[in-house]
């Protein structure tokens, strides 16, 4: 299940990018789409890099 999250966040980032394109064409307010794009890119990068961190010996 954890390996599914990075690809889900990647799909959300692509959707947020498309919404941002609509905002540039003045169809949606830009103030709404820019934070969505930033959060989705942040979560995508975090989910791809977090699984490689050292969590200690068990």
C-alpha atoms as a PDB file:
ATOM      1  CA  UNK A   1       0.000   0.000   0.000  1.00  0.00           C
ATOM      2  CA  UNK A   2       2.873   2.387   0.731  1.00  0.00           C
ATOM      3  CA  UNK A   3       4.237   1.982  -2.769  1.00  0.00           C
ATOM      4  CA  UNK A   4       0.880   3.208  -4.107  1.00  0.00           C
ATOM      5  CA  UNK A   5       1.077   6.646  -2.435  1.00  0.00           C
ATOM      6  CA  UNK A   6       3.917   8.144  -4.521  1.00  0.00           C
ATOM      7  CA  UNK A   7       2.112   7.349  -7.758  1.00  0.00           C
ATOM      8  CA  UNK A   8      -1.178   8.649  -6.393  1.00  0.00           C
ATOM      9  CA  UNK A   9       0.529  11.917  -5.409  1.00  0.00           C
ATOM     10  CA  UNK A  10       2.127  12.054  -8.857  1.00  0.00           C
ATOM     11  CA  UNK A  11      -1.319  11.818 -10.462  1.00  0.00           C
ATOM     12  CA  UNK A  12      -2.592  14.548  -8.125  1.00  0.00           C
ATOM     13  CA  UNK A  13       0.378  16.750  -9.086  1.00  0.00           C
ATOM     14  CA  UNK A  14      -0.449  16.274 -12.773  1.00  0.00           C
ATOM     15  CA  UNK A  15      -4.062  17.243 -12.080  1.00  0.00           C
ATOM     16  CA  UNK A  16      -2.936  20.301 -10.133  1.00  0.00           C
ATOM     17  CA  UNK A  17      -0.675  21.280 -13.022  1.00  0.00           C
ATOM     18  CA  UNK A  18      -3.617  21.123 -15.426  1.00  0.00           C
ATOM     19  CA  UNK A  19      -5.676  23.243 -13.029  1.00  0.00           C
ATOM     20  CA  UNK A  20      -2.812  25.729 -12.917  1.00  0.00           C
ATOM     21  CA  UNK A  21      -2.842  25.933 -16.723  1.00  0.00           C
ATOM     22  CA  UNK A  22      -6.563  26.741 -16.505  1.00  0.00           C
ATOM     23  CA  UNK A  23      -5.747  29.418 -13.931  1.00  0.00           C
ATOM     24  CA  UNK A  24      -3.213  30.990 -16.269  1.00  0.00           C
ATOM     25  CA  UNK A  25      -5.990  31.191 -18.879  1.00  0.00           C
ATOM     26  CA  UNK A  26      -8.154  32.989 -16.241  1.00  0.00           C
ATOM     27  CA  UNK A  27     -10.722  30.195 -15.933  1.00  0.00           C
ATOM     28  CA  UNK A  28      -9.976  29.493 -12.246  1.00  0.00           C
ATOM     29  CA  UNK A  29      -8.519  31.915  -9.679  1.00  0.00           C
ATOM     30  CA  UNK A  30      -4.735  31.624  -9.525  1.00  0.00           C
ATOM     31  CA  UNK A  31      -4.759  32.118  -5.742  1.00  0.00           C
ATOM     32  CA  UNK A  32      -6.459  28.714  -5.378  1.00  0.00           C
ATOM     33  CA  UNK A  33      -4.406  26.669  -7.814  1.00  0.00           C
ATOM     34  CA  UNK A  34      -0.882  27.754  -6.871  1.00  0.00           C
ATOM     35  CA  UNK A  35      -1.047  26.422  -3.273  1.00  0.00           C
ATOM     36  CA  UNK A  36      -2.618  23.190  -4.565  1.00  0.00           C
ATOM     37  CA  UNK A  37       0.222  22.759  -7.036  1.00  0.00           C
ATOM     38  CA  UNK A  38       2.852  23.500  -4.388  1.00  0.00           C
ATOM     39  CA  UNK A  39       1.355  21.073  -1.863  1.00  0.00           C
ATOM     40  CA  UNK A  40       0.946  18.314  -4.421  1.00  0.00           C
ATOM     41  CA  UNK A  41       4.540  18.657  -5.666  1.00  0.00           C
ATOM     42  CA  UNK A  42       5.794  18.707  -2.072  1.00  0.00           C
ATOM     43  CA  UNK A  43       3.870  15.554  -1.162  1.00  0.00           C
ATOM     44  CA  UNK A  44       5.052  13.810  -4.327  1.00  0.00           C
ATOM     45  CA  UNK A  45       8.714  14.551  -3.651  1.00  0.00           C
ATOM     46  CA  UNK A  46       8.337  13.676   0.029  1.00  0.00           C
ATOM     47  CA  UNK A  47       6.684  10.343  -0.716  1.00  0.00           C
ATOM     48  CA  UNK A  48       9.348   9.362  -3.265  1.00  0.00           C
ATOM     49  CA  UNK A  49      12.264  10.228  -0.954  1.00  0.00           C
ATOM     50  CA  UNK A  50      10.892   9.280   2.474  1.00  0.00           C
ATOM     51  CA  UNK A  51      10.889   5.535   1.901  1.00  0.00           C
ATOM     52  CA  UNK A  52      14.689   5.531   1.524  1.00  0.00           C
ATOM     53  CA  UNK A  53      15.352   6.977   4.975  1.00  0.00           C
ATOM     54  CA  UNK A  54      17.022   4.989   7.729  1.00  0.00           C
ATOM     55  CA  UNK A  55      14.498   4.107  10.434  1.00  0.00           C
ATOM     56  CA  UNK A  56      16.836   2.308  12.800  1.00  0.00           C
ATOM     57  CA  UNK A  57      17.491  -1.287  13.624  1.00  0.00           C
ATOM     58  CA  UNK A  58      14.511  -3.404  14.658  1.00  0.00           C
END
